[in-house]
């Protein structure tokens, strides 16, 4: 029996990458297609990552990861997947293995513009795009960024969209990053697993959700992000916490039990214990989050 293709094409652009320093593996994707995160990204820590799209053959995910696990490179595994697929002319996929080898494939019947590129540890691809500038911009943004993997992948999506993106528009986006024991409580490998299933600005919404996720779930602080709470910083804290209804005292830049208690309350209510700083200090990310926080304490 011939394989029947799905009636809906997952037109999208994506990037699959392996961080050379942390060895984390991630996929970021955006599409004019609902819940693209439920179809395109597949990854296993220490093995590799795959993005499968166009008339997506989702078996590329588990089968491709098994091929990588068996010792094949990304190029070898992707070639094997494609060769055994009767619908290969309408498929598109990108793959990276645990060593950073990358491969991309675009079937000859994928709708224009369709294609992909590879670089050091990444593959970027897309179909039904405005033009090749989308994947080129993604690759350049990824290579030029000095941030860590989550921010590099989001930056690549943003650059791809700014360069034209999916010519049908935007609807959903997703970010999946795997790290050995990097998940909640170190019980699994899902370091970052976020989806925006239906939104008019899915990339910006994905970035917003990631920033909140980072505050609650991740430990991504560096020493340069640790701020001493001196007079001006204390005044900023008092002002911001006052607007959020956590602090009722004077905005005078004087550290005391009132502002200390208000800050502790803010961190506790928002589940930001992951961002607790040494006494007399605050993480820059917490201070910046307060600035954009529009919620008041219930």
Protein backbone atom coordinates (compact mmCIF):
# COMPACT_ATOMS: atom_id res chain seq x y z
CA UNK A 1 0.00 0.00 0.00
CA UNK A 2 1.36 3.42 -0.95
CA UNK A 3 1.99 5.86 1.86
CA UNK A 4 -0.65 8.57 1.93
CA UNK A 5 0.66 12.07 2.53
CA UNK A 6 -1.04 14.30 5.10
CA UNK A 7 -3.42 16.82 3.54
CA UNK A 8 -1.81 19.77 5.34
CA UNK A 9 1.75 20.85 4.67
CA UNK A 10 3.83 22.03 7.64
CA UNK A 11 5.30 25.10 5.92
CA UNK A 12 7.88 26.50 8.29
CA UNK A 13 11.44 27.53 8.99
CA UNK A 14 13.60 25.93 11.64
CA UNK A 15 17.10 25.63 13.00
CA UNK A 16 18.66 22.56 14.62
CA UNK A 17 21.89 23.08 16.52
CA UNK A 18 24.40 21.62 18.94
CA UNK A 19 26.23 23.97 21.31
CA UNK A 20 29.96 23.38 21.04
CA UNK A 21 30.61 24.27 24.69
CA UNK A 22 27.73 22.75 26.64
CA UNK A 23 26.96 19.95 24.13
CA UNK A 24 23.27 20.87 24.48
CA UNK A 25 21.13 20.11 21.43
CA UNK A 26 18.24 22.33 20.42
CA UNK A 27 15.61 23.09 17.81
CA UNK A 28 13.72 26.33 17.24
CA UNK A 29 10.86 26.56 14.76
CA UNK A 30 8.18 28.97 13.52
CA UNK A 31 5.31 28.30 11.15
CA UNK A 32 1.99 29.37 9.67
CA UNK A 33 0.66 26.13 11.08
CA UNK A 34 -0.97 25.43 14.42
CA UNK A 35 1.08 23.76 17.17
CA UNK A 36 4.22 23.32 15.09
CA UNK A 37 6.02 22.17 18.24
CA UNK A 38 3.94 18.98 18.26
CA UNK A 39 5.24 17.98 14.82
CA UNK A 40 8.67 19.35 13.92
CA UNK A 41 11.23 19.11 16.80
CA UNK A 42 12.76 15.85 18.05
CA UNK A 43 15.87 15.50 20.20
CA UNK A 44 17.66 13.22 22.66
CA UNK A 45 20.48 14.47 24.89
CA UNK A 46 23.85 13.12 23.86
CA UNK A 47 22.42 11.76 20.59
CA UNK A 48 21.16 14.54 18.34
CA UNK A 49 18.27 16.63 17.11
CA UNK A 50 15.93 16.58 14.10
CA UNK A 51 13.46 19.00 12.55
CA UNK A 52 10.98 17.30 10.19
CA UNK A 53 8.67 19.53 8.12
CA UNK A 54 6.89 20.23 4.82
CA UNK A 55 4.58 17.18 4.50
CA UNK A 56 6.29 16.14 7.71
CA UNK A 57 7.11 12.50 8.19
CA UNK A 58 7.14 12.41 11.97
CA UNK A 59 8.75 8.96 11.94
CA UNK A 60 11.94 10.80 10.94
CA UNK A 61 12.13 11.85 14.59
CA UNK A 62 12.37 8.52 16.44
CA UNK A 63 13.89 6.64 13.49
CA UNK A 64 16.50 9.29 12.88
CA UNK A 65 17.49 9.41 16.52
CA UNK A 66 17.90 5.63 16.55
CA UNK A 67 20.15 5.87 13.50
CA UNK A 68 22.26 8.51 15.23
CA UNK A 69 22.40 6.36 18.35
CA UNK A 70 23.70 3.47 16.23
CA UNK A 71 26.70 5.56 15.25
CA UNK A 72 25.70 7.13 11.94
CA UNK A 73 26.54 10.79 11.34
CA UNK A 74 23.78 13.33 10.75
CA UNK A 75 24.41 13.22 6.99
CA UNK A 76 24.39 9.42 6.89
CA UNK A 77 21.25 9.14 9.03
CA UNK A 78 19.31 11.74 7.05
CA UNK A 79 20.30 10.12 3.75
CA UNK A 80 19.07 6.76 5.03
CA UNK A 81 15.75 8.22 6.19
CA UNK A 82 15.14 9.93 2.87
CA UNK A 83 16.13 6.96 0.72
CA UNK A 84 13.54 4.76 2.40
CA UNK A 85 10.68 7.27 2.13
CA UNK A 86 8.43 7.17 -0.96
CA UNK A 87 7.23 10.69 -0.11
CA UNK A 88 10.75 12.13 0.06
CA UNK A 89 10.19 14.61 -2.77
CA UNK A 90 7.82 16.58 -0.54
CA UNK A 91 9.77 16.27 2.70
CA UNK A 92 12.15 18.65 4.37
CA UNK A 93 14.37 17.96 7.36
CA UNK A 94 17.42 19.19 9.25
CA UNK A 95 19.60 17.14 11.57
CA UNK A 96 22.56 17.54 13.89
CA UNK A 97 24.40 14.79 15.74
CA UNK A 98 26.17 14.76 19.11
CA UNK A 99 29.49 15.72 17.51
CA UNK A 100 28.02 18.76 15.80
CA UNK A 101 27.84 17.30 12.30
CA UNK A 102 24.88 18.85 10.50
CA UNK A 103 22.78 17.95 7.47
CA UNK A 104 19.73 19.37 5.73
CA UNK A 105 17.43 17.99 3.03
CA UNK A 106 14.76 19.58 0.84
CA UNK A 107 12.69 17.46 -1.55
CA UNK A 108 12.44 18.67 -5.14
CA UNK A 109 8.65 19.08 -4.91
CA UNK A 110 8.64 21.27 -1.78
CA UNK A 111 6.91 24.58 -2.51
CA UNK A 112 9.09 27.60 -3.28
CA UNK A 113 11.00 29.06 -1.79
CA UNK A 114 12.39 25.97 -0.13
CA UNK A 115 15.91 25.05 0.89
CA UNK A 116 18.44 24.89 3.68
CA UNK A 117 22.00 25.57 4.77
CA UNK A 118 24.45 24.04 7.23
CA UNK A 119 27.20 25.60 9.30
CA UNK A 120 29.33 24.86 12.32
CA UNK A 121 27.03 22.71 14.43
CA UNK A 122 23.72 23.78 12.87
CA UNK A 123 21.28 23.24 10.03
CA UNK A 124 18.68 25.85 9.02
CA UNK A 125 15.86 25.14 6.56
CA UNK A 126 12.45 26.33 5.45
CA UNK A 127 9.73 25.99 2.85
CA UNK A 128 7.07 28.32 1.42
CA UNK A 129 9.39 31.17 2.36
CA UNK A 130 9.72 34.63 0.89
CA UNK A 131 13.20 33.62 -0.27
CA UNK A 132 16.59 32.19 0.59
CA UNK A 133 17.36 35.24 2.70
CA UNK A 134 15.32 33.72 5.55
CA UNK A 135 17.61 30.73 6.14
CA UNK A 136 20.70 32.82 5.38
CA UNK A 137 19.68 35.33 8.06
CA UNK A 138 19.01 32.53 10.54
CA UNK A 139 22.45 31.05 10.00
CA UNK A 140 24.20 34.40 10.26
CA UNK A 141 22.32 35.35 13.44
CA UNK A 142 23.14 32.01 15.04
CA UNK A 143 26.83 32.19 14.13
CA UNK A 144 27.27 35.81 15.21
CA UNK A 145 25.50 35.55 18.57
CA UNK A 146 27.63 35.26 21.71
CA UNK A 147 24.67 34.26 23.90
CA UNK A 148 23.93 30.73 25.11
CA UNK A 149 21.94 28.22 23.06
CA UNK A 150 18.36 29.25 23.98
CA UNK A 151 18.94 32.90 23.14
CA UNK A 152 20.91 32.06 19.99
CA UNK A 153 18.08 29.91 18.68
CA UNK A 154 15.44 32.54 19.41
CA UNK A 155 17.67 35.17 17.79
CA UNK A 156 17.89 32.97 14.69
CA UNK A 157 14.10 32.70 14.49
CA UNK A 158 13.72 36.45 14.90
CA UNK A 159 16.29 37.10 12.16
CA UNK A 160 14.58 34.67 9.82
CA UNK A 161 11.25 36.38 10.32
CA UNK A 162 12.76 39.83 9.80
CA UNK A 163 14.24 38.59 6.53
CA UNK A 164 10.82 37.51 5.26
CA UNK A 165 9.96 34.26 6.99
CA UNK A 166 7.04 32.05 6.00
CA UNK A 167 5.32 33.93 3.17
CA UNK A 168 1.91 32.86 4.48
CA UNK A 169 2.49 34.57 7.82
CA UNK A 170 2.95 33.48 11.43
CA UNK A 171 0.98 31.26 13.80
CA UNK A 172 3.06 29.05 16.09
CA UNK A 173 6.59 28.54 17.37
CA UNK A 174 8.52 26.19 19.62
CA UNK A 175 11.85 25.80 21.39
CA UNK A 176 13.20 22.41 22.48
CA UNK A 177 16.62 21.99 24.10
CA UNK A 178 17.90 18.79 25.68
CA UNK A 179 20.69 18.46 28.24
CA UNK A 180 21.70 15.43 30.28
CA UNK A 181 19.68 15.67 33.52
CA UNK A 182 18.87 19.27 32.65
CA UNK A 183 15.12 19.02 33.23
CA UNK A 184 13.03 19.87 36.25
CA UNK A 185 14.53 18.36 39.40
CA UNK A 186 17.24 16.79 37.20
CA UNK A 187 14.88 13.87 36.60
CA UNK A 188 14.88 14.16 32.80
CA UNK A 189 16.75 15.80 29.91
CA UNK A 190 14.19 18.43 28.83
CA UNK A 191 16.21 21.54 29.62
CA UNK A 192 13.83 23.83 27.69
CA UNK A 193 10.55 22.63 26.19
CA UNK A 194 8.27 25.52 25.21
CA UNK A 195 5.48 25.97 22.68
CA UNK A 196 3.35 28.78 21.38
CA UNK A 197 0.55 26.97 19.58
CA UNK A 198 -1.51 29.86 18.18
CA UNK A 199 -0.48 33.52 18.37
CA UNK A 200 -0.29 36.54 16.07
CA UNK A 201 3.36 37.11 17.07
CA UNK A 202 4.58 33.63 18.04
CA UNK A 203 8.31 34.37 18.10
CA UNK A 204 7.94 37.35 20.41
CA UNK A 205 5.55 35.34 22.58
CA UNK A 206 8.05 32.47 22.67
CA UNK A 207 10.73 34.90 23.81
CA UNK A 208 8.43 36.28 26.53
CA UNK A 209 7.59 32.80 27.81
CA UNK A 210 11.25 31.81 27.73
CA UNK A 211 12.24 34.79 29.86
CA UNK A 212 9.67 33.79 32.47
CA UNK A 213 10.68 30.13 32.23
CA UNK A 214 14.29 31.18 32.75
CA UNK A 215 13.36 33.06 35.93
CA UNK A 216 11.62 30.05 37.43
CA UNK A 217 13.41 27.01 36.03
CA UNK A 218 16.95 27.73 34.89
CA UNK A 219 20.30 28.74 36.37
CA UNK A 220 21.80 30.96 33.69
CA UNK A 221 23.36 33.71 35.80
CA UNK A 222 26.93 34.94 35.44
CA UNK A 223 28.97 37.00 37.91
CA UNK A 224 28.60 40.11 35.76
CA UNK A 225 24.86 39.81 36.30
CA UNK A 226 25.17 40.07 40.09
CA UNK A 227 24.38 43.59 41.31
CA UNK A 228 25.25 45.06 44.71
CA UNK A 229 22.22 46.69 46.32
CA UNK A 230 23.59 50.17 46.93
CA UNK A 231 21.49 53.33 47.35
CA UNK A 232 20.45 53.82 43.69
CA UNK A 233 19.69 50.13 43.21
CA UNK A 234 17.69 50.05 46.45
CA UNK A 235 15.70 53.07 45.25
CA UNK A 236 14.96 51.29 41.98
CA UNK A 237 13.84 48.20 43.88
CA UNK A 238 11.59 50.25 46.15
CA UNK A 239 10.02 52.04 43.19
CA UNK A 240 9.38 48.91 41.15
CA UNK A 241 8.07 46.84 44.05
CA UNK A 242 5.84 49.71 45.08
CA UNK A 243 4.25 49.78 41.63
CA UNK A 244 3.69 46.04 41.89
CA UNK A 245 2.03 46.45 45.33
CA UNK A 246 4.71 44.56 47.23
CA UNK A 247 6.24 47.53 49.03
CA UNK A 248 4.47 50.33 50.90
CA UNK A 249 7.40 52.23 52.46
CA UNK A 250 9.37 55.25 51.34
CA UNK A 251 11.35 55.35 48.11
CA UNK A 252 14.50 56.69 49.77
CA UNK A 253 17.23 54.23 48.75
CA UNK A 254 17.67 52.98 52.32
CA UNK A 255 17.90 49.23 52.76
CA UNK A 256 15.92 47.85 55.67
CA UNK A 257 13.60 45.15 56.88
CA UNK A 258 10.65 46.50 54.87
CA UNK A 259 12.26 46.40 51.44
CA UNK A 260 14.10 43.17 52.26
CA UNK A 261 10.81 41.50 53.20
CA UNK A 262 9.08 42.88 50.09
CA UNK A 263 11.78 41.52 47.79
CA UNK A 264 11.62 38.11 49.48
CA UNK A 265 7.83 38.16 49.07
CA UNK A 266 8.10 39.02 45.37
CA UNK A 267 10.54 36.17 44.76
CA UNK A 268 8.42 33.69 46.69
CA UNK A 269 5.06 34.60 45.10
CA UNK A 270 6.54 34.35 41.59
CA UNK A 271 8.48 31.11 42.22
CA UNK A 272 11.79 32.86 41.54
CA UNK A 273 13.70 31.01 44.27
CA UNK A 274 16.06 29.85 41.54
CA UNK A 275 17.21 33.48 41.31
CA UNK A 276 18.03 34.03 44.98
CA UNK A 277 21.24 36.05 45.28
CA UNK A 278 23.81 36.35 48.06
CA UNK A 279 22.85 38.76 50.84
CA UNK A 280 23.09 42.39 49.79
CA UNK A 281 22.88 41.53 46.09
CA UNK A 282 20.29 40.97 43.37
CA UNK A 283 20.55 39.33 39.98
CA UNK A 284 20.26 41.74 37.06
CA UNK A 285 17.64 39.46 35.49
CA UNK A 286 15.34 39.88 38.51
CA UNK A 287 15.67 43.65 38.46
CA UNK A 288 14.97 43.75 34.72
CA UNK A 289 12.01 41.41 35.03
CA UNK A 290 10.42 43.72 37.59
CA UNK A 291 10.65 46.57 35.11
CA UNK A 292 8.51 44.69 32.58
CA UNK A 293 6.25 42.97 35.14
CA UNK A 294 2.75 44.39 34.82
CA UNK A 295 1.13 42.16 37.41
CA UNK A 296 0.34 43.38 40.90
CA UNK A 297 0.22 41.09 43.92
CA UNK A 298 -3.22 39.54 44.38
